[in-house]
């Protein structure tokens, strides 16, 4: 099952996409499927037909793991 992530790249705008598994401490690259901007628009520096991008880990500042729709529905606001 793909994991939705927000990848922060050095000197670039953050990229939303899906990865198959979280990178380990020895990984040198990260493959992001369906890369797009936060507002779901295409990245201007990629061709329209690109479906996956491989970035070297030394360019990645940090990665945020986004919740799935099921997780968002499980944890809701509780009013006391």
N, C-alpha and C. Protein backbone atom coordinates (compact mmCIF):
# COMPACT_ATOMS: atom_id res chain seq x y z
N UNK A 1 0.85 -1.18 0.00
CA UNK A 1 0.00 0.00 0.00
C UNK A 1 0.89 1.24 0.00
N UNK A 2 0.68 2.16 -0.92
CA UNK A 2 1.51 3.36 -1.00
C UNK A 2 1.35 4.24 0.25
N UNK A 3 2.44 4.92 0.58
CA UNK A 3 2.46 5.84 1.71
C UNK A 3 2.50 7.25 1.15
N UNK A 4 1.55 8.11 1.54
CA UNK A 4 1.54 9.49 1.09
C UNK A 4 2.54 10.30 1.92
N UNK A 5 3.38 11.06 1.23
CA UNK A 5 4.42 11.82 1.92
C UNK A 5 4.52 13.24 1.35
N UNK A 6 5.09 14.11 2.16
CA UNK A 6 5.44 15.46 1.75
C UNK A 6 6.96 15.54 1.86
N UNK A 7 7.63 15.62 0.72
CA UNK A 7 9.09 15.58 0.67
C UNK A 7 9.62 17.01 0.55
N UNK A 8 10.47 17.40 1.48
CA UNK A 8 11.07 18.73 1.47
C UNK A 8 12.46 18.61 0.85
N UNK A 9 12.64 19.26 -0.29
CA UNK A 9 13.87 19.19 -1.06
C UNK A 9 14.64 20.49 -0.85
N UNK A 10 15.95 20.39 -0.63
CA UNK A 10 16.78 21.57 -0.41
C UNK A 10 16.64 22.56 -1.56
N UNK A 11 16.30 23.80 -1.23
CA UNK A 11 16.21 24.86 -2.21
C UNK A 11 15.03 24.77 -3.15
N UNK A 12 14.09 23.87 -2.89
CA UNK A 12 12.92 23.68 -3.77
C UNK A 12 11.64 23.75 -2.95
N UNK A 13 10.55 23.81 -3.64
CA UNK A 13 9.23 23.74 -3.03
C UNK A 13 8.96 22.28 -2.62
N UNK A 14 8.24 22.08 -1.51
CA UNK A 14 7.91 20.72 -1.06
C UNK A 14 7.07 20.00 -2.11
N UNK A 15 7.24 18.67 -2.18
CA UNK A 15 6.58 17.85 -3.18
C UNK A 15 5.72 16.80 -2.47
N UNK A 16 4.47 16.66 -2.90
CA UNK A 16 3.58 15.62 -2.39
C UNK A 16 3.66 14.44 -3.35
N UNK A 17 3.61 13.24 -2.80
CA UNK A 17 3.63 12.05 -3.64
C UNK A 17 3.44 10.80 -2.81
N UNK A 18 3.60 9.66 -3.46
CA UNK A 18 3.45 8.38 -2.78
C UNK A 18 4.75 7.60 -2.92
N UNK A 19 5.11 6.87 -1.87
CA UNK A 19 6.26 5.99 -1.90
C UNK A 19 5.81 4.60 -1.47
N UNK A 20 6.54 3.59 -1.89
CA UNK A 20 6.18 2.20 -1.54
C UNK A 20 6.56 1.86 -0.12
N UNK A 21 7.73 2.35 0.34
CA UNK A 21 8.16 2.12 1.72
C UNK A 21 9.04 3.27 2.16
N UNK A 22 9.09 3.52 3.46
CA UNK A 22 9.91 4.59 3.98
C UNK A 22 11.39 4.26 3.77
N UNK A 23 12.19 5.28 3.45
CA UNK A 23 13.61 5.02 3.22
C UNK A 23 14.31 4.63 4.52
N UNK A 24 15.29 3.75 4.39
CA UNK A 24 16.07 3.31 5.53
C UNK A 24 17.32 4.17 5.69
N UNK A 25 18.08 3.95 6.76
CA UNK A 25 19.28 4.75 7.00
C UNK A 25 20.38 4.55 5.96
N UNK A 26 20.37 3.46 5.23
CA UNK A 26 21.40 3.21 4.23
C UNK A 26 20.96 3.53 2.81
N UNK A 27 19.73 3.99 2.62
CA UNK A 27 19.23 4.32 1.28
C UNK A 27 19.89 5.59 0.76
N UNK A 28 20.20 5.61 -0.52
CA UNK A 28 20.83 6.77 -1.14
C UNK A 28 19.88 7.54 -2.05
N UNK A 29 18.74 6.93 -2.39
CA UNK A 29 17.74 7.56 -3.26
C UNK A 29 16.35 7.34 -2.69
N UNK A 30 15.43 8.18 -3.14
CA UNK A 30 14.02 7.99 -2.81
C UNK A 30 13.22 8.11 -4.11
N UNK A 31 12.32 7.17 -4.34
CA UNK A 31 11.47 7.19 -5.53
C UNK A 31 10.09 7.66 -5.12
N UNK A 32 9.64 8.75 -5.73
CA UNK A 32 8.33 9.34 -5.42
C UNK A 32 7.44 9.15 -6.65
N UNK A 33 6.31 8.50 -6.44
CA UNK A 33 5.33 8.30 -7.51
C UNK A 33 4.29 9.41 -7.47
N UNK A 34 3.80 9.79 -8.64
CA UNK A 34 2.79 10.83 -8.78
C UNK A 34 3.20 12.13 -8.09
N UNK A 35 4.41 12.66 -8.39
CA UNK A 35 4.86 13.89 -7.73
C UNK A 35 4.04 15.09 -8.18
N UNK A 36 3.72 15.96 -7.21
CA UNK A 36 2.92 17.15 -7.50
C UNK A 36 3.15 18.18 -6.40
N UNK A 37 2.67 19.40 -6.64
CA UNK A 37 2.75 20.44 -5.63
C UNK A 37 1.70 20.21 -4.56
N UNK A 38 1.77 20.94 -3.49
CA UNK A 38 0.80 20.79 -2.39
C UNK A 38 -0.63 21.04 -2.83
N UNK A 39 -0.81 21.93 -3.81
CA UNK A 39 -2.15 22.23 -4.31
C UNK A 39 -2.57 21.29 -5.44
N UNK A 40 -1.88 20.16 -5.58
CA UNK A 40 -2.15 19.12 -6.57
C UNK A 40 -1.90 19.55 -8.02
N UNK A 41 -1.20 20.65 -8.23
CA UNK A 41 -0.82 21.06 -9.59
C UNK A 41 0.49 20.39 -9.96
N UNK A 42 0.76 20.33 -11.26
CA UNK A 42 1.99 19.70 -11.76
C UNK A 42 3.21 20.51 -11.35
N UNK A 43 4.33 19.83 -11.21
CA UNK A 43 5.59 20.51 -10.94
C UNK A 43 6.09 21.13 -12.24
N UNK A 44 6.42 22.40 -12.24
CA UNK A 44 6.78 23.07 -13.50
C UNK A 44 8.07 22.56 -14.13
N UNK A 45 8.96 21.95 -13.37
CA UNK A 45 10.23 21.49 -13.91
C UNK A 45 10.20 20.03 -14.37
N UNK A 46 9.04 19.38 -14.31
CA UNK A 46 8.90 18.01 -14.80
C UNK A 46 8.04 17.98 -16.06
N UNK A 47 8.31 17.03 -16.93
CA UNK A 47 7.49 16.84 -18.12
C UNK A 47 6.09 16.36 -17.70
N UNK A 48 5.11 16.61 -18.52
CA UNK A 48 3.71 16.27 -18.19
C UNK A 48 3.49 14.77 -18.02
N UNK A 49 4.28 13.94 -18.68
CA UNK A 49 4.05 12.50 -18.66
C UNK A 49 4.82 11.77 -17.56
N UNK A 50 5.55 12.49 -16.72
CA UNK A 50 6.35 11.87 -15.66
C UNK A 50 5.43 11.30 -14.58
N UNK A 51 5.66 10.04 -14.20
CA UNK A 51 4.86 9.41 -13.15
C UNK A 51 5.68 9.09 -11.91
N UNK A 52 7.01 9.03 -12.04
CA UNK A 52 7.89 8.76 -10.91
C UNK A 52 9.16 9.57 -11.05
N UNK A 53 9.69 10.00 -9.88
CA UNK A 53 10.94 10.75 -9.86
C UNK A 53 11.84 10.11 -8.80
N UNK A 54 13.13 10.01 -9.09
CA UNK A 54 14.10 9.49 -8.13
C UNK A 54 15.00 10.65 -7.72
N UNK A 55 14.98 11.00 -6.43
CA UNK A 55 15.83 12.05 -5.90
C UNK A 55 16.90 11.44 -5.01
N UNK A 56 18.12 11.97 -5.05
CA UNK A 56 19.15 11.50 -4.12
C UNK A 56 18.83 11.99 -2.71
N UNK A 57 19.10 11.17 -1.72
CA UNK A 57 18.77 11.51 -0.34
C UNK A 57 19.53 12.73 0.17
N UNK A 58 20.70 13.03 -0.39
CA UNK A 58 21.43 14.20 0.09
C UNK A 58 20.73 15.51 -0.26
N UNK A 59 19.75 15.48 -1.17
CA UNK A 59 18.96 16.67 -1.51
C UNK A 59 17.72 16.81 -0.63
N UNK A 60 17.37 15.77 0.13
CA UNK A 60 16.16 15.77 0.94
C UNK A 60 16.47 16.34 2.32
N UNK A 61 15.70 17.37 2.72
CA UNK A 61 15.86 17.95 4.05
C UNK A 61 15.14 17.08 5.08
N UNK A 62 13.86 16.81 4.83
CA UNK A 62 13.10 15.89 5.67
C UNK A 62 11.85 15.44 4.93
N UNK A 63 11.21 14.40 5.48
CA UNK A 63 10.02 13.80 4.86
C UNK A 63 8.90 13.76 5.90
N UNK A 64 7.73 14.26 5.52
CA UNK A 64 6.55 14.19 6.39
C UNK A 64 5.66 13.06 5.87
N UNK A 65 5.23 12.19 6.76
CA UNK A 65 4.31 11.11 6.40
C UNK A 65 2.89 11.63 6.64
N UNK A 66 2.08 11.63 5.59
CA UNK A 66 0.71 12.15 5.67
C UNK A 66 -0.26 11.03 6.06
N UNK A 67 -1.29 11.36 6.84
CA UNK A 67 -2.26 10.34 7.23
C UNK A 67 -3.12 9.90 6.05
N UNK A 68 -3.57 8.65 6.10
CA UNK A 68 -4.48 8.15 5.08
C UNK A 68 -5.89 8.62 5.42
N UNK A 69 -6.82 8.47 4.50
CA UNK A 69 -8.20 8.89 4.76
C UNK A 69 -8.81 8.10 5.91
N UNK A 70 -8.45 6.80 6.02
CA UNK A 70 -8.99 5.97 7.10
C UNK A 70 -8.49 6.48 8.45
N UNK A 71 -7.21 6.86 8.52
CA UNK A 71 -6.66 7.38 9.77
C UNK A 71 -7.31 8.70 10.15
N UNK A 72 -7.57 9.56 9.15
CA UNK A 72 -8.21 10.83 9.44
C UNK A 72 -9.62 10.62 9.99
N UNK A 73 -10.32 9.61 9.51
CA UNK A 73 -11.68 9.34 9.98
C UNK A 73 -11.68 8.73 11.36
N UNK A 74 -10.65 7.95 11.70
CA UNK A 74 -10.57 7.30 13.02
C UNK A 74 -10.36 8.32 14.14
N UNK A 75 -9.50 9.29 13.87
CA UNK A 75 -9.18 10.29 14.88
C UNK A 75 -9.91 11.57 14.52
N UNK A 76 -10.89 11.91 15.29
CA UNK A 76 -11.67 13.11 15.02
C UNK A 76 -11.63 14.04 16.21
N UNK A 77 -12.22 15.17 16.06
CA UNK A 77 -12.28 16.15 17.12
C UNK A 77 -13.30 15.69 18.16
N UNK A 78 -12.88 15.74 19.43
CA UNK A 78 -13.76 15.33 20.52
C UNK A 78 -14.09 16.56 21.35
N UNK A 79 -15.34 16.84 21.49
CA UNK A 79 -15.76 17.99 22.28
C UNK A 79 -16.23 17.50 23.64
N UNK A 80 -15.72 18.13 24.67
CA UNK A 80 -16.10 17.75 26.03
C UNK A 80 -17.05 18.74 26.63
